[in-house]
Amino acid sequence: MSRTLGPELEKKLQKKYEPSTMVDMRFRNNDISFKTDDEGNPILLFIGKRNDQGVVKGERYARRLKSDSEGNIIKDHWELKGKAT
């Protein structure tokens, strides 16, 4: 169950986006949606095909971000959580 996201998608997910929002976009042949935290970091990712209601059906990933007391990121990885329905 440990499928990697790939370097191109991970690079796109390293960027900062609008805080506390859901972002929808297309990446290659997939629809992706991700939720950002209060700092604008993507933390929850849905990748697959979007249905008529706008919901992405495919896989769900969660991001683990850990920072030290000075705000430097010491741990950052995406984990496959299962099917997104």
PDB file of N, CA and C in Angstrom:
ATOM      1  N   MET A   1       0.803  -1.201   0.000  1.00  0.00           N
ATOM      2  CA  MET A   1       0.000   0.000   0.000  1.00  0.00           C
ATOM      3  C   MET A   1       0.849   1.269   0.000  1.00  0.00           C
ATOM      4  N   SER A   2       2.123   1.168  -0.311  1.00  0.00           N
ATOM      5  CA  SER A   2       2.996   2.337  -0.261  1.00  0.00           C
ATOM      6  C   SER A   2       3.395   2.795  -1.660  1.00  0.00           C
ATOM      7  N   ARG A   3       2.471   3.380  -2.361  1.00  0.00           N
ATOM      8  CA  ARG A   3       2.743   3.930  -3.677  1.00  0.00           C
ATOM      9  C   ARG A   3       3.241   5.356  -3.513  1.00  0.00           C
ATOM     10  N   THR A   4       4.329   5.710  -4.187  1.00  0.00           N
ATOM     11  CA  THR A   4       4.870   7.048  -4.044  1.00  0.00           C
ATOM     12  C   THR A   4       4.180   8.008  -5.000  1.00  0.00           C
ATOM     13  N   LEU A   5       4.241   9.281  -4.683  1.00  0.00           N
ATOM     14  CA  LEU A   5       3.582  10.300  -5.481  1.00  0.00           C
ATOM     15  C   LEU A   5       4.378  10.695  -6.712  1.00  0.00           C
ATOM     16  N   GLY A   6       5.664  10.551  -6.677  1.00  0.00           N
ATOM     17  CA  GLY A   6       6.502  10.951  -7.798  1.00  0.00           C
ATOM     18  C   GLY A   6       7.078  12.330  -7.573  1.00  0.00           C
ATOM     19  N   PRO A   7       8.273  12.568  -8.105  1.00  0.00           N
ATOM     20  CA  PRO A   7       8.967  13.831  -7.831  1.00  0.00           C
ATOM     21  C   PRO A   7       8.259  15.075  -8.371  1.00  0.00           C
ATOM     22  N   GLU A   8       7.597  14.981  -9.519  1.00  0.00           N
ATOM     23  CA  GLU A   8       6.925  16.162 -10.084  1.00  0.00           C
ATOM     24  C   GLU A   8       5.740  16.600  -9.218  1.00  0.00           C
ATOM     25  N   LEU A   9       4.934  15.639  -8.792  1.00  0.00           N
ATOM     26  CA  LEU A   9       3.788  15.963  -7.951  1.00  0.00           C
ATOM     27  C   LEU A   9       4.258  16.428  -6.572  1.00  0.00           C
ATOM     28  N   GLU A  10       5.269  15.782  -6.022  1.00  0.00           N
ATOM     29  CA  GLU A  10       5.783  16.204  -4.718  1.00  0.00           C
ATOM     30  C   GLU A  10       6.320  17.628  -4.777  1.00  0.00           C
ATOM     31  N   LYS A  11       6.965  17.986  -5.886  1.00  0.00           N
ATOM     32  CA  LYS A  11       7.471  19.356  -6.056  1.00  0.00           C
ATOM     33  C   LYS A  11       6.314  20.349  -6.051  1.00  0.00           C
ATOM     34  N   LYS A  12       5.215  20.015  -6.735  1.00  0.00           N
ATOM     35  CA  LYS A  12       4.034  20.872  -6.763  1.00  0.00           C
ATOM     36  C   LYS A  12       3.426  21.007  -5.364  1.00  0.00           C
ATOM     37  N   LEU A  13       3.496  19.934  -4.574  1.00  0.00           N
ATOM     38  CA  LEU A  13       2.917  19.946  -3.231  1.00  0.00           C
ATOM     39  C   LEU A  13       3.836  20.586  -2.189  1.00  0.00           C
ATOM     40  N   GLN A  14       5.062  20.942  -2.568  1.00  0.00           N
ATOM     41  CA  GLN A  14       5.970  21.646  -1.668  1.00  0.00           C
ATOM     42  C   GLN A  14       5.657  23.140  -1.606  1.00  0.00           C
ATOM     43  N   LYS A  15       4.927  23.640  -2.613  1.00  0.00           N
ATOM     44  CA  LYS A  15       4.605  25.070  -2.669  1.00  0.00           C
ATOM     45  C   LYS A  15       3.598  25.441  -1.588  1.00  0.00           C
ATOM     46  N   LYS A  16       3.557  26.729  -1.286  1.00  0.00           N
ATOM     47  CA  LYS A  16       2.555  27.260  -0.360  1.00  0.00           C
ATOM     48  C   LYS A  16       1.347  27.710  -1.176  1.00  0.00           C
ATOM     49  N   TYR A  17       0.169  27.463  -0.637  1.00  0.00           N
ATOM     50  CA  TYR A  17      -1.087  27.849  -1.262  1.00  0.00           C
ATOM     51  C   TYR A  17      -1.890  28.669  -0.259  1.00  0.00           C
ATOM     52  N   GLU A  18      -3.079  29.076  -0.641  1.00  0.00           N
ATOM     53  CA  GLU A  18      -3.926  29.837   0.272  1.00  0.00           C
ATOM     54  C   GLU A  18      -4.217  28.993   1.519  1.00  0.00           C
ATOM     55  N   PRO A  19      -4.046  29.559   2.705  1.00  0.00           N
ATOM     56  CA  PRO A  19      -4.264  28.797   3.944  1.00  0.00           C
ATOM     57  C   PRO A  19      -5.701  28.325   4.122  1.00  0.00           C
ATOM     58  N   SER A  20      -5.835  27.164   4.723  1.00  0.00           N
ATOM     59  CA  SER A  20      -7.128  26.579   5.124  1.00  0.00           C
ATOM     60  C   SER A  20      -8.161  26.549   4.002  1.00  0.00           C
ATOM     61  N   THR A  21      -7.753  26.049   2.838  1.00  0.00           N
ATOM     62  CA  THR A  21      -8.667  25.937   1.705  1.00  0.00           C
ATOM     63  C   THR A  21      -8.525  24.571   1.046  1.00  0.00           C
ATOM     64  N   MET A  22      -9.445  24.287   0.140  1.00  0.00           N
ATOM     65  CA  MET A  22      -9.377  23.092  -0.692  1.00  0.00           C
ATOM     66  C   MET A  22      -9.013  23.578  -2.092  1.00  0.00           C
ATOM     67  N   VAL A  23      -7.958  23.002  -2.670  1.00  0.00           N
ATOM     68  CA  VAL A  23      -7.476  23.402  -3.989  1.00  0.00           C
ATOM     69  C   VAL A  23      -7.733  22.253  -4.959  1.00  0.00           C
ATOM     70  N   ASP A  24      -8.356  22.566  -6.093  1.00  0.00           N
ATOM     71  CA  ASP A  24      -8.646  21.577  -7.137  1.00  0.00           C
ATOM     72  C   ASP A  24      -7.827  21.911  -8.367  1.00  0.00           C
ATOM     73  N   MET A  25      -7.206  20.891  -8.966  1.00  0.00           N
ATOM     74  CA  MET A  25      -6.462  21.096 -10.208  1.00  0.00           C
ATOM     75  C   MET A  25      -6.289  19.784 -10.938  1.00  0.00           C
ATOM     76  N   ARG A  26      -5.724  19.862 -12.117  1.00  0.00           N
ATOM     77  CA  ARG A  26      -5.426  18.698 -12.942  1.00  0.00           C
ATOM     78  C   ARG A  26      -3.924  18.472 -12.891  1.00  0.00           C
ATOM     79  N   PHE A  27      -3.499  17.227 -12.780  1.00  0.00           N
ATOM     80  CA  PHE A  27      -2.086  16.878 -12.836  1.00  0.00           C
ATOM     81  C   PHE A  27      -1.951  15.647 -13.718  1.00  0.00           C
ATOM     82  N   ARG A  28      -1.289  15.840 -14.854  1.00  0.00           N
ATOM     83  CA  ARG A  28      -1.182  14.793 -15.872  1.00  0.00           C
ATOM     84  C   ARG A  28      -2.564  14.294 -16.240  1.00  0.00           C
ATOM     85  N   ASN A  29      -2.850  13.004 -16.087  1.00  0.00           N
ATOM     86  CA  ASN A  29      -4.159  12.450 -16.440  1.00  0.00           C
ATOM     87  C   ASN A  29      -5.093  12.333 -15.254  1.00  0.00           C
ATOM     88  N   ASN A  30      -4.720  12.918 -14.118  1.00  0.00           N
ATOM     89  CA  ASN A  30      -5.513  12.784 -12.897  1.00  0.00           C
ATOM     90  C   ASN A  30      -6.074  14.120 -12.441  1.00  0.00           C
ATOM     91  N   ASP A  31      -7.190  14.040 -11.732  1.00  0.00           N
ATOM     92  CA  ASP A  31      -7.715  15.195 -11.009  1.00  0.00           C
ATOM     93  C   ASP A  31      -7.147  15.098  -9.603  1.00  0.00           C
ATOM     94  N   ILE A  32      -6.732  16.231  -9.055  1.00  0.00           N
ATOM     95  CA  ILE A  32      -6.255  16.236  -7.675  1.00  0.00           C
ATOM     96  C   ILE A  32      -6.969  17.338  -6.901  1.00  0.00           C
ATOM     97  N   SER A  33      -7.196  17.077  -5.647  1.00  0.00           N
ATOM     98  CA  SER A  33      -7.719  18.056  -4.699  1.00  0.00           C
ATOM     99  C   SER A  33      -6.905  17.906  -3.440  1.00  0.00           C
ATOM    100  N   PHE A  34      -6.531  19.026  -2.851  1.00  0.00           N
ATOM    101  CA  PHE A  34      -5.827  18.942  -1.578  1.00  0.00           C
ATOM    102  C   PHE A  34      -6.265  20.055  -0.645  1.00  0.00           C
ATOM    103  N   LYS A  35      -6.243  19.723   0.640  1.00  0.00           N
ATOM    104  CA  LYS A  35      -6.590  20.670   1.692  1.00  0.00           C
ATOM    105  C   LYS A  35      -5.299  21.215   2.268  1.00  0.00           C
ATOM    106  N   THR A  36      -5.295  22.520   2.551  1.00  0.00           N
ATOM    107  CA  THR A  36      -4.111  23.146   3.123  1.00  0.00           C
ATOM    108  C   THR A  36      -4.319  23.433   4.603  1.00  0.00           C
ATOM    109  N   ASP A  37      -3.214  23.506   5.329  1.00  0.00           N
ATOM    110  CA  ASP A  37      -3.287  23.850   6.752  1.00  0.00           C
ATOM    111  C   ASP A  37      -3.322  25.374   6.905  1.00  0.00           C
ATOM    112  N   ASP A  38      -3.233  25.857   8.137  1.00  0.00           N
ATOM    113  CA  ASP A  38      -3.331  27.298   8.377  1.00  0.00           C
ATOM    114  C   ASP A  38      -2.099  28.072   7.909  1.00  0.00           C
ATOM    115  N   GLU A  39      -1.052  27.372   7.461  1.00  0.00           N
ATOM    116  CA  GLU A  39       0.131  28.027   6.906  1.00  0.00           C
ATOM    117  C   GLU A  39       0.191  27.913   5.384  1.00  0.00           C
ATOM    118  N   GLY A  40      -0.766  27.204   4.782  1.00  0.00           N
ATOM    119  CA  GLY A  40      -0.809  27.061   3.335  1.00  0.00           C
ATOM    120  C   GLY A  40      -0.097  25.835   2.799  1.00  0.00           C
ATOM    121  N   ASN A  41       0.301  24.918   3.675  1.00  0.00           N
ATOM    122  CA  ASN A  41       0.943  23.671   3.258  1.00  0.00           C
ATOM    123  C   ASN A  41      -0.120  22.633   2.921  1.00  0.00           C
ATOM    124  N   PRO A  42      -0.036  21.980   1.751  1.00  0.00           N
ATOM    125  CA  PRO A  42      -0.956  20.872   1.472  1.00  0.00           C
ATOM    126  C   PRO A  42      -0.755  19.749   2.493  1.00  0.00           C
ATOM    127  N   ILE A  43      -1.847  19.269   3.095  1.00  0.00           N
ATOM    128  CA  ILE A  43      -1.726  18.237   4.125  1.00  0.00           C
ATOM    129  C   ILE A  43      -2.596  17.016   3.863  1.00  0.00           C
ATOM    130  N   LEU A  44      -3.602  17.142   2.996  1.00  0.00           N
ATOM    131  CA  LEU A  44      -4.488  16.030   2.672  1.00  0.00           C
ATOM    132  C   LEU A  44      -4.705  16.057   1.170  1.00  0.00           C
ATOM    133  N   LEU A  45      -4.435  14.934   0.496  1.00  0.00           N
ATOM    134  CA  LEU A  45      -4.461  14.883  -0.963  1.00  0.00           C
ATOM    135  C   LEU A  45      -5.395  13.784  -1.441  1.00  0.00           C
ATOM    136  N   PHE A  46      -6.217  14.123  -2.429  1.00  0.00           N
ATOM    137  CA  PHE A  46      -7.065  13.159  -3.111  1.00  0.00           C
ATOM    138  C   PHE A  46      -6.636  13.162  -4.568  1.00  0.00           C
ATOM    139  N   ILE A  47      -6.336  11.976  -5.118  1.00  0.00           N
ATOM    140  CA  ILE A  47      -5.883  11.878  -6.506  1.00  0.00           C
ATOM    141  C   ILE A  47      -6.657  10.775  -7.207  1.00  0.00           C
ATOM    142  N   GLY A  48      -7.169  11.067  -8.395  1.00  0.00           N
ATOM    143  CA  GLY A  48      -7.968  10.102  -9.146  1.00  0.00           C
ATOM    144  C   GLY A  48      -8.766  10.808 -10.210  1.00  0.00           C
ATOM    145  N   LYS A  49     -10.031  10.426 -10.357  1.00  0.00           N
ATOM    146  CA  LYS A  49     -10.934  11.031 -11.339  1.00  0.00           C
ATOM    147  C   LYS A  49     -12.089  11.709 -10.614  1.00  0.00           C
ATOM    148  N   ARG A  50     -12.400  12.930 -11.014  1.00  0.00           N
ATOM    149  CA  ARG A  50     -13.490  13.694 -10.416  1.00  0.00           C
ATOM    150  C   ARG A  50     -14.827  13.262 -11.021  1.00  0.00           C
ATOM    151  N   ASN A  51     -15.841  13.030 -10.177  1.00  0.00           N
ATOM    152  CA  ASN A  51     -17.166  12.634 -10.679  1.00  0.00           C
ATOM    153  C   ASN A  51     -18.025  13.871 -10.938  1.00  0.00           C
ATOM    154  N   ASP A  52     -19.287  13.665 -11.302  1.00  0.00           N
ATOM    155  CA  ASP A  52     -20.186  14.770 -11.637  1.00  0.00           C
ATOM    156  C   ASP A  52     -20.448  15.716 -10.461  1.00  0.00           C
ATOM    157  N   GLN A  53     -20.325  15.215  -9.245  1.00  0.00           N
ATOM    158  CA  GLN A  53     -20.532  16.049  -8.055  1.00  0.00           C
ATOM    159  C   GLN A  53     -19.260  16.795  -7.645  1.00  0.00           C
ATOM    160  N   GLY A  54     -18.154  16.568  -8.345  1.00  0.00           N
ATOM    161  CA  GLY A  54     -16.902  17.249  -8.030  1.00  0.00           C
ATOM    162  C   GLY A  54     -16.027  16.525  -7.020  1.00  0.00           C
ATOM    163  N   VAL A  55     -16.410  15.306  -6.670  1.00  0.00           N
ATOM    164  CA  VAL A  55     -15.660  14.514  -5.694  1.00  0.00           C
ATOM    165  C   VAL A  55     -14.629  13.653  -6.423  1.00  0.00           C
ATOM    166  N   VAL A  56     -13.393  13.649  -5.909  1.00  0.00           N
ATOM    167  CA  VAL A  56     -12.343  12.834  -6.516  1.00  0.00           C
ATOM    168  C   VAL A  56     -12.429  11.414  -5.971  1.00  0.00           C
ATOM    169  N   LYS A  57     -12.541  10.454  -6.879  1.00  0.00           N
ATOM    170  CA  LYS A  57     -12.537   9.031  -6.500  1.00  0.00           C
ATOM    171  C   LYS A  57     -11.202   8.459  -6.930  1.00  0.00           C
ATOM    172  N   GLY A  58     -10.500   7.872  -5.988  1.00  0.00           N
ATOM    173  CA  GLY A  58      -9.179   7.319  -6.269  1.00  0.00           C
ATOM    174  C   GLY A  58      -8.467   6.988  -4.976  1.00  0.00           C
ATOM    175  N   GLU A  59      -7.362   7.686  -4.708  1.00  0.00           N
ATOM    176  CA  GLU A  59      -6.564   7.423  -3.510  1.00  0.00           C
ATOM    177  C   GLU A  59      -6.479   8.661  -2.635  1.00  0.00           C
ATOM    178  N   ARG A  60      -6.305   8.414  -1.342  1.00  0.00           N
ATOM    179  CA  ARG A  60      -6.208   9.494  -0.354  1.00  0.00           C
ATOM    180  C   ARG A  60      -4.850   9.399   0.330  1.00  0.00           C
ATOM    181  N   TYR A  61      -4.178  10.531   0.423  1.00  0.00           N
ATOM    182  CA  TYR A  61      -2.873  10.615   1.077  1.00  0.00           C
ATOM    183  C   TYR A  61      -2.931  11.659   2.178  1.00  0.00           C
ATOM    184  N   ALA A  62      -2.161  11.440   3.235  1.00  0.00           N
ATOM    185  CA  ALA A  62      -2.034  12.418   4.314  1.00  0.00           C
ATOM    186  C   ALA A  62      -0.547  12.752   4.462  1.00  0.00           C
ATOM    187  N   ARG A  63      -0.286  14.002   4.757  1.00  0.00           N
ATOM    188  CA  ARG A  63       1.095  14.472   4.894  1.00  0.00           C
ATOM    189  C   ARG A  63       1.440  14.630   6.367  1.00  0.00           C
ATOM    190  N   ARG A  64       2.608  14.149   6.728  1.00  0.00           N
ATOM    191  CA  ARG A  64       3.115  14.315   8.083  1.00  0.00           C
ATOM    192  C   ARG A  64       4.203  15.372   8.044  1.00  0.00           C
ATOM    193  N   LEU A  65       3.937  16.482   8.703  1.00  0.00           N
ATOM    194  CA  LEU A  65       4.893  17.579   8.806  1.00  0.00           C
ATOM    195  C   LEU A  65       5.235  17.788  10.272  1.00  0.00           C
ATOM    196  N   LYS A  66       6.514  17.745  10.578  1.00  0.00           N
ATOM    197  CA  LYS A  66       6.952  18.031  11.941  1.00  0.00           C
ATOM    198  C   LYS A  66       8.024  19.111  11.870  1.00  0.00           C
ATOM    199  N   SER A  67       7.897  20.075  12.769  1.00  0.00           N
ATOM    200  CA  SER A  67       8.845  21.183  12.815  1.00  0.00           C
ATOM    201  C   SER A  67       9.491  21.242  14.193  1.00  0.00           C
ATOM    202  N   ASP A  68      10.702  21.799  14.234  1.00  0.00           N
ATOM    203  CA  ASP A  68      11.344  22.004  15.529  1.00  0.00           C
ATOM    204  C   ASP A  68      10.828  23.313  16.134  1.00  0.00           C
ATOM    205  N   SER A  69      11.366  23.696  17.283  1.00  0.00           N
ATOM    206  CA  SER A  69      10.875  24.879  17.986  1.00  0.00           C
ATOM    207  C   SER A  69      11.124  26.176  17.223  1.00  0.00           C
ATOM    208  N   GLU A  70      12.045  26.156  16.261  1.00  0.00           N
ATOM    209  CA  GLU A  70      12.347  27.358  15.479  1.00  0.00           C
ATOM    210  C   GLU A  70      11.577  27.400  14.157  1.00  0.00           C
ATOM    211  N   GLY A  71      10.742  26.392  13.902  1.00  0.00           N
ATOM    212  CA  GLY A  71       9.936  26.369  12.695  1.00  0.00           C
ATOM    213  C   GLY A  71      10.582  25.658  11.523  1.00  0.00           C
ATOM    214  N   ASN A  72      11.751  25.063  11.704  1.00  0.00           N
ATOM    215  CA  ASN A  72      12.409  24.305  10.640  1.00  0.00           C
ATOM    216  C   ASN A  72      11.761  22.926  10.516  1.00  0.00           C
ATOM    217  N   ILE A  73      11.442  22.537   9.288  1.00  0.00           N
ATOM    218  CA  ILE A  73      10.801  21.240   9.064  1.00  0.00           C
ATOM    219  C   ILE A  73      11.833  20.134   9.244  1.00  0.00           C
ATOM    220  N   ILE A  74      11.524  19.191  10.132  1.00  0.00           N
ATOM    221  CA  ILE A  74      12.438  18.081  10.386  1.00  0.00           C
ATOM    222  C   ILE A  74      11.893  16.756   9.848  1.00  0.00           C
ATOM    223  N   LYS A  75      10.603  16.707   9.560  1.00  0.00           N
ATOM    224  CA  LYS A  75       9.996  15.504   8.995  1.00  0.00           C
ATOM    225  C   LYS A  75       8.895  15.911   8.035  1.00  0.00           C
ATOM    226  N   ASP A  76       8.928  15.355   6.812  1.00  0.00           N
ATOM    227  CA  ASP A  76       7.947  15.704   5.794  1.00  0.00           C
ATOM    228  C   ASP A  76       7.793  14.519   4.851  1.00  0.00           C
ATOM    229  N   HIS A  77       6.685  13.803   4.952  1.00  0.00           N
ATOM    230  CA  HIS A  77       6.426  12.723   4.005  1.00  0.00           C
ATOM    231  C   HIS A  77       4.925  12.489   3.848  1.00  0.00           C
ATOM    232  N   TRP A  78       4.567  11.926   2.685  1.00  0.00           N
ATOM    233  CA  TRP A  78       3.194  11.611   2.346  1.00  0.00           C
ATOM    234  C   TRP A  78       2.954  10.121   2.564  1.00  0.00           C
ATOM    235  N   GLU A  79       1.798   9.784   3.128  1.00  0.00           N
ATOM    236  CA  GLU A  79       1.452   8.403   3.419  1.00  0.00           C
ATOM    237  C   GLU A  79       0.105   8.061   2.768  1.00  0.00           C
ATOM    238  N   LEU A  80       0.086   6.972   2.032  1.00  0.00           N
ATOM    239  CA  LEU A  80      -1.144   6.490   1.413  1.00  0.00           C
ATOM    240  C   LEU A  80      -2.077   5.987   2.511  1.00  0.00           C
ATOM    241  N   LYS A  81      -3.291   6.528   2.543  1.00  0.00           N
ATOM    242  CA  LYS A  81      -4.265   6.159   3.579  1.00  0.00           C
ATOM    243  C   LYS A  81      -5.349   5.229   3.069  1.00  0.00           C
ATOM    244  N   GLY A  82      -5.462   5.067   1.765  1.00  0.00           N
ATOM    245  CA  GLY A  82      -6.471   4.168   1.230  1.00  0.00           C
ATOM    246  C   GLY A  82      -7.281   4.801   0.116  1.00  0.00           C
ATOM    247  N   LYS A  83      -8.432   4.235  -0.127  1.00  0.00           N
ATOM    248  CA  LYS A  83      -9.310   4.692  -1.202  1.00  0.00           C
ATOM    249  C   LYS A  83     -10.031   5.985  -0.816  1.00  0.00           C
ATOM    250  N   ALA A  84     -10.184   6.852  -1.806  1.00  0.00           N
ATOM    251  CA  ALA A  84     -10.990   8.061  -1.652  1.00  0.00           C
ATOM    252  C   ALA A  84     -12.287   7.815  -2.413  1.00  0.00           C
ATOM    253  N   THR A  85     -13.412   7.902  -1.695  1.00  0.00           N
ATOM    254  CA  THR A  85     -14.697   7.631  -2.337  1.00  0.00           C
ATOM    255  C   THR A  85     -15.634   8.798  -2.221  1.00  0.00           C
TER     256      THR A  85
END
